[in-house]
Structures are given as C-alpha cells and as structure tokens.
Amino acid sequence: MMSFLLPGDAKQTAKVVDRLKIFSIAPSLGGVESLVTQPITTTHHAMSEEDRSRRGII
C-alpha cells in the first residue's frame, strides 16, 4: 500500500486521478486489483468540510 498527498484542492487532485492509466478509482481495498482512492470524494464524502479539515482530510 502506498499513500501520498498531492498539492491542490479536490478538483485539481481529481484531475490527477482521472489521468491514471494503471489504477482504477474505488473506495475499497478489499480486492486484488490496483486501486486509487480520493477520500474527499469516496470514503469521507458524507463528512462536512469542517469535520474533514479537523481530521486532516483535505
């Protein structure tokens, strides 16, 4: 598993995710395929912007 932060807001980082060729965007790591996730649009989408910010999810 790898984790990294990209500079920019959600729209800017989504552009990077959309351009990936090998990885598919998905909220789950339960399978064997290569995935990428953007917490602000998947796993933490239902949280308010304030709650995400307090938890460092930007």
PDB file of N, CA and C in Angstrom:
ATOM      1  N   MET A   1       0.840  -1.155   0.000  1.00  0.00           N
ATOM      2  CA  MET A   1       0.000   0.000   0.000  1.00  0.00           C
ATOM      3  C   MET A   1       0.892   1.226   0.000  1.00  0.00           C
ATOM      4  N   MET A   2       0.516   2.207  -0.775  1.00  0.00           N
ATOM      5  CA  MET A   2       1.208   3.493  -0.797  1.00  0.00           C
ATOM      6  C   MET A   2       0.201   4.583  -0.481  1.00  0.00           C
ATOM      7  N   SER A   3       0.671   5.631   0.110  1.00  0.00           N
ATOM      8  CA  SER A   3      -0.164   6.781   0.391  1.00  0.00           C
ATOM      9  C   SER A   3       0.657   8.027   0.123  1.00  0.00           C
ATOM     10  N   PHE A   4       0.052   9.002  -0.532  1.00  0.00           N
ATOM     11  CA  PHE A   4       0.751  10.264  -0.746  1.00  0.00           C
ATOM     12  C   PHE A   4      -0.263  11.381  -0.888  1.00  0.00           C
ATOM     13  N   LEU A   5       0.196  12.574  -0.642  1.00  0.00           N
ATOM     14  CA  LEU A   5      -0.639  13.765  -0.738  1.00  0.00           C
ATOM     15  C   LEU A   5      -0.235  14.558  -1.965  1.00  0.00           C
ATOM     16  N   LEU A   6      -1.228  15.066  -2.664  1.00  0.00           N
ATOM     17  CA  LEU A   6      -0.976  15.934  -3.800  1.00  0.00           C
ATOM     18  C   LEU A   6      -1.328  17.358  -3.402  1.00  0.00           C
ATOM     19  N   PRO A   7      -0.525  18.323  -3.819  1.00  0.00           N
ATOM     20  CA  PRO A   7      -0.882  19.710  -3.521  1.00  0.00           C
ATOM     21  C   PRO A   7      -2.085  20.113  -4.370  1.00  0.00           C
ATOM     22  N   GLY A   8      -2.947  20.917  -3.815  1.00  0.00           N
ATOM     23  CA  GLY A   8      -4.097  21.401  -4.565  1.00  0.00           C
ATOM     24  C   GLY A   8      -5.400  21.032  -3.897  1.00  0.00           C
ATOM     25  N   ASP A   9      -6.487  21.524  -4.492  1.00  0.00           N
ATOM     26  CA  ASP A   9      -7.811  21.240  -3.939  1.00  0.00           C
ATOM     27  C   ASP A   9      -8.372  19.971  -4.572  1.00  0.00           C
ATOM     28  N   ALA A  10      -9.608  19.637  -4.215  1.00  0.00           N
ATOM     29  CA  ALA A  10     -10.219  18.389  -4.674  1.00  0.00           C
ATOM     30  C   ALA A  10     -10.315  18.324  -6.195  1.00  0.00           C
ATOM     31  N   LYS A  11     -10.651  19.427  -6.836  1.00  0.00           N
ATOM     32  CA  LYS A  11     -10.764  19.430  -8.301  1.00  0.00           C
ATOM     33  C   LYS A  11      -9.411  19.198  -8.958  1.00  0.00           C
ATOM     34  N   GLN A  12      -8.376  19.820  -8.433  1.00  0.00           N
ATOM     35  CA  GLN A  12      -7.037  19.657  -9.002  1.00  0.00           C
ATOM     36  C   GLN A  12      -6.522  18.236  -8.820  1.00  0.00           C
ATOM     37  N   THR A  13      -6.734  17.667  -7.643  1.00  0.00           N
ATOM     38  CA  THR A  13      -6.248  16.314  -7.419  1.00  0.00           C
ATOM     39  C   THR A  13      -7.080  15.287  -8.188  1.00  0.00           C
ATOM     40  N   ALA A  14      -8.363  15.570  -8.401  1.00  0.00           N
ATOM     41  CA  ALA A  14      -9.203  14.669  -9.205  1.00  0.00           C
ATOM     42  C   ALA A  14      -8.683  14.579 -10.634  1.00  0.00           C
ATOM     43  N   LYS A  15      -8.137  15.668 -11.151  1.00  0.00           N
ATOM     44  CA  LYS A  15      -7.561  15.650 -12.500  1.00  0.00           C
ATOM     45  C   LYS A  15      -6.412  14.656 -12.585  1.00  0.00           C
ATOM     46  N   VAL A  16      -5.615  14.580 -11.530  1.00  0.00           N
ATOM     47  CA  VAL A  16      -4.503  13.618 -11.496  1.00  0.00           C
ATOM     48  C   VAL A  16      -5.058  12.193 -11.480  1.00  0.00           C
ATOM     49  N   VAL A  17      -6.027  11.940 -10.622  1.00  0.00           N
ATOM     50  CA  VAL A  17      -6.624  10.609 -10.512  1.00  0.00           C
ATOM     51  C   VAL A  17      -7.252  10.193 -11.843  1.00  0.00           C
ATOM     52  N   ASP A  18      -7.928  11.109 -12.498  1.00  0.00           N
ATOM     53  CA  ASP A  18      -8.589  10.809 -13.767  1.00  0.00           C
ATOM     54  C   ASP A  18      -7.604  10.456 -14.885  1.00  0.00           C
ATOM     55  N   ARG A  19      -6.372  10.887 -14.759  1.00  0.00           N
ATOM     56  CA  ARG A  19      -5.376  10.635 -15.803  1.00  0.00           C
ATOM     57  C   ARG A  19      -4.575   9.353 -15.573  1.00  0.00           C
ATOM     58  N   LEU A  20      -4.797   8.669 -14.462  1.00  0.00           N
ATOM     59  CA  LEU A  20      -4.062   7.436 -14.187  1.00  0.00           C
ATOM     60  C   LEU A  20      -4.442   6.352 -15.190  1.00  0.00           C
ATOM     61  N   LYS A  21      -3.465   5.566 -15.606  1.00  0.00           N
ATOM     62  CA  LYS A  21      -3.691   4.512 -16.599  1.00  0.00           C
ATOM     63  C   LYS A  21      -3.776   3.125 -15.965  1.00  0.00           C
ATOM     64  N   ILE A  22      -3.014   2.865 -14.919  1.00  0.00           N
ATOM     65  CA  ILE A  22      -2.933   1.524 -14.341  1.00  0.00           C
ATOM     66  C   ILE A  22      -3.943   1.337 -13.212  1.00  0.00           C
ATOM     67  N   PHE A  23      -4.204   2.358 -12.458  1.00  0.00           N
ATOM     68  CA  PHE A  23      -5.056   2.262 -11.283  1.00  0.00           C
ATOM     69  C   PHE A  23      -6.482   2.698 -11.603  1.00  0.00           C
ATOM     70  N   SER A  24      -7.431   2.057 -10.947  1.00  0.00           N
ATOM     71  CA  SER A  24      -8.842   2.445 -11.051  1.00  0.00           C
ATOM     72  C   SER A  24      -9.228   3.142  -9.759  1.00  0.00           C
ATOM     73  N   ILE A  25     -10.093   4.159  -9.844  1.00  0.00           N
ATOM     74  CA  ILE A  25     -10.542   4.829  -8.630  1.00  0.00           C
ATOM     75  C   ILE A  25     -11.658   3.999  -7.999  1.00  0.00           C
ATOM     76  N   ALA A  26     -11.529   3.739  -6.710  1.00  0.00           N
ATOM     77  CA  ALA A  26     -12.511   2.943  -5.975  1.00  0.00           C
ATOM     78  C   ALA A  26     -12.321   3.179  -4.484  1.00  0.00           C
ATOM     79  N   PRO A  27     -13.391   3.084  -3.694  1.00  0.00           N
ATOM     80  CA  PRO A  27     -13.287   3.335  -2.258  1.00  0.00           C
ATOM     81  C   PRO A  27     -12.846   2.143  -1.427  1.00  0.00           C
ATOM     82  N   SER A  28     -12.655   0.971  -2.017  1.00  0.00           N
ATOM     83  CA  SER A  28     -12.370  -0.233  -1.250  1.00  0.00           C
ATOM     84  C   SER A  28     -10.986  -0.788  -1.566  1.00  0.00           C
ATOM     85  N   LEU A  29     -10.348  -1.348  -0.558  1.00  0.00           N
ATOM     86  CA  LEU A  29      -9.070  -2.026  -0.763  1.00  0.00           C
ATOM     87  C   LEU A  29      -9.240  -3.523  -0.524  1.00  0.00           C
ATOM     88  N   GLY A  30     -10.450  -4.041  -0.704  1.00  0.00           N
ATOM     89  CA  GLY A  30     -10.735  -5.432  -0.408  1.00  0.00           C
ATOM     90  C   GLY A  30     -10.384  -6.423  -1.503  1.00  0.00           C
ATOM     91  N   GLY A  31     -10.051  -5.942  -2.691  1.00  0.00           N
ATOM     92  CA  GLY A  31      -9.748  -6.846  -3.794  1.00  0.00           C
ATOM     93  C   GLY A  31      -8.263  -6.937  -4.070  1.00  0.00           C
ATOM     94  N   VAL A  32      -7.930  -7.602  -5.158  1.00  0.00           N
ATOM     95  CA  VAL A  32      -6.524  -7.783  -5.523  1.00  0.00           C
ATOM     96  C   VAL A  32      -6.090  -6.833  -6.629  1.00  0.00           C
ATOM     97  N   GLU A  33      -7.019  -6.063  -7.178  1.00  0.00           N
ATOM     98  CA  GLU A  33      -6.671  -5.132  -8.238  1.00  0.00           C
ATOM     99  C   GLU A  33      -6.008  -3.874  -7.672  1.00  0.00           C
ATOM    100  N   SER A  34      -5.339  -3.142  -8.549  1.00  0.00           N
ATOM    101  CA  SER A  34      -4.700  -1.891  -8.141  1.00  0.00           C
ATOM    102  C   SER A  34      -5.746  -0.781  -8.148  1.00  0.00           C
ATOM    103  N   LEU A  35      -5.866  -0.097  -7.010  1.00  0.00           N
ATOM    104  CA  LEU A  35      -6.877   0.943  -6.860  1.00  0.00           C
ATOM    105  C   LEU A  35      -6.257   2.235  -6.372  1.00  0.00           C
ATOM    106  N   VAL A  36      -6.955   3.311  -6.606  1.00  0.00           N
ATOM    107  CA  VAL A  36      -6.604   4.608  -6.041  1.00  0.00           C
ATOM    108  C   VAL A  36      -7.887   5.182  -5.454  1.00  0.00           C
ATOM    109  N   THR A  37      -7.757   5.885  -4.360  1.00  0.00           N
ATOM    110  CA  THR A  37      -8.939   6.490  -3.756  1.00  0.00           C
ATOM    111  C   THR A  37      -8.648   7.935  -3.393  1.00  0.00           C
ATOM    112  N   GLN A  38      -9.657   8.733  -3.449  1.00  0.00           N
ATOM    113  CA  GLN A  38      -9.580  10.131  -3.058  1.00  0.00           C
ATOM    114  C   GLN A  38     -10.613  10.297  -1.936  1.00  0.00           C
ATOM    115  N   PRO A  39     -10.178  10.261  -0.670  1.00  0.00           N
ATOM    116  CA  PRO A  39     -11.116  10.230   0.455  1.00  0.00           C
ATOM    117  C   PRO A  39     -12.192  11.307   0.424  1.00  0.00           C
ATOM    118  N   ILE A  40     -11.872  12.482  -0.080  1.00  0.00           N
ATOM    119  CA  ILE A  40     -12.867  13.557  -0.082  1.00  0.00           C
ATOM    120  C   ILE A  40     -14.054  13.231  -0.989  1.00  0.00           C
ATOM    121  N   THR A  41     -13.842  12.361  -1.989  1.00  0.00           N
ATOM    122  CA  THR A  41     -14.941  12.017  -2.899  1.00  0.00           C
ATOM    123  C   THR A  41     -15.434  10.592  -2.717  1.00  0.00           C
ATOM    124  N   THR A  42     -14.821   9.816  -1.840  1.00  0.00           N
ATOM    125  CA  THR A  42     -15.247   8.424  -1.660  1.00  0.00           C
ATOM    126  C   THR A  42     -15.559   8.138  -0.197  1.00  0.00           C
ATOM    127  N   THR A  43     -14.596   7.673   0.538  1.00  0.00           N
ATOM    128  CA  THR A  43     -14.831   7.187   1.902  1.00  0.00           C
ATOM    129  C   THR A  43     -15.281   8.258   2.892  1.00  0.00           C
ATOM    130  N   HIS A  44     -14.926   9.518   2.686  1.00  0.00           N
ATOM    131  CA  HIS A  44     -15.274  10.584   3.630  1.00  0.00           C
ATOM    132  C   HIS A  44     -16.170  11.655   3.000  1.00  0.00           C
ATOM    133  N   HIS A  45     -16.831  11.293   1.923  1.00  0.00           N
ATOM    134  CA  HIS A  45     -17.676  12.241   1.196  1.00  0.00           C
ATOM    135  C   HIS A  45     -18.829  12.785   2.048  1.00  0.00           C
ATOM    136  N   ALA A  46     -19.380  11.958   2.909  1.00  0.00           N
ATOM    137  CA  ALA A  46     -20.538  12.366   3.707  1.00  0.00           C
ATOM    138  C   ALA A  46     -20.181  13.308   4.853  1.00  0.00           C
ATOM    139  N   MET A  47     -18.896  13.427   5.166  1.00  0.00           N
ATOM    140  CA  MET A  47     -18.479  14.314   6.254  1.00  0.00           C
ATOM    141  C   MET A  47     -18.536  15.764   5.799  1.00  0.00           C
ATOM    142  N   SER A  48     -18.798  16.655   6.719  1.00  0.00           N
ATOM    143  CA  SER A  48     -18.789  18.076   6.385  1.00  0.00           C
ATOM    144  C   SER A  48     -17.347  18.519   6.109  1.00  0.00           C
ATOM    145  N   GLU A  49     -17.210  19.596   5.383  1.00  0.00           N
ATOM    146  CA  GLU A  49     -15.883  20.128   5.087  1.00  0.00           C
ATOM    147  C   GLU A  49     -15.128  20.452   6.374  1.00  0.00           C
ATOM    148  N   GLU A  50     -15.838  20.962   7.362  1.00  0.00           N
ATOM    149  CA  GLU A  50     -15.223  21.298   8.645  1.00  0.00           C
ATOM    150  C   GLU A  50     -14.690  20.052   9.352  1.00  0.00           C
ATOM    151  N   ASP A  51     -15.488  18.975   9.377  1.00  0.00           N
ATOM    152  CA  ASP A  51     -15.048  17.728  10.014  1.00  0.00           C
ATOM    153  C   ASP A  51     -13.836  17.140   9.291  1.00  0.00           C
ATOM    154  N   ARG A  52     -13.868  17.147   7.949  1.00  0.00           N
ATOM    155  CA  ARG A  52     -12.724  16.632   7.183  1.00  0.00           C
ATOM    156  C   ARG A  52     -11.481  17.448   7.490  1.00  0.00           C
ATOM    157  N   SER A  53     -11.615  18.749   7.549  1.00  0.00           N
ATOM    158  CA  SER A  53     -10.476  19.624   7.815  1.00  0.00           C
ATOM    159  C   SER A  53      -9.878  19.355   9.189  1.00  0.00           C
ATOM    160  N   ARG A  54     -10.738  19.176  10.211  1.00  0.00           N
ATOM    161  CA  ARG A  54     -10.259  18.872  11.561  1.00  0.00           C
ATOM    162  C   ARG A  54      -9.474  17.571  11.608  1.00  0.00           C
ATOM    163  N   ARG A  55      -9.823  16.650  10.746  1.00  0.00           N
ATOM    164  CA  ARG A  55      -9.166  15.343  10.722  1.00  0.00           C
ATOM    165  C   ARG A  55      -8.024  15.276   9.706  1.00  0.00           C
ATOM    166  N   GLY A  56      -7.747  16.386   9.046  1.00  0.00           N
ATOM    167  CA  GLY A  56      -6.640  16.428   8.098  1.00  0.00           C
ATOM    168  C   GLY A  56      -6.977  15.840   6.744  1.00  0.00           C
ATOM    169  N   ILE A  57      -8.251  15.674   6.430  1.00  0.00           N
ATOM    170  CA  ILE A  57      -8.687  15.154   5.135  1.00  0.00           C
ATOM    171  C   ILE A  57      -9.063  16.357   4.281  1.00  0.00           C
ATOM    172  N   ILE A  58      -8.176  16.719   3.399  1.00  0.00           N
ATOM    173  CA  ILE A  58      -8.389  17.945   2.614  1.00  0.00           C
ATOM    174  C   ILE A  58      -8.435  17.664   1.127  1.00  0.00           C
TER     175      ILE A  58
END
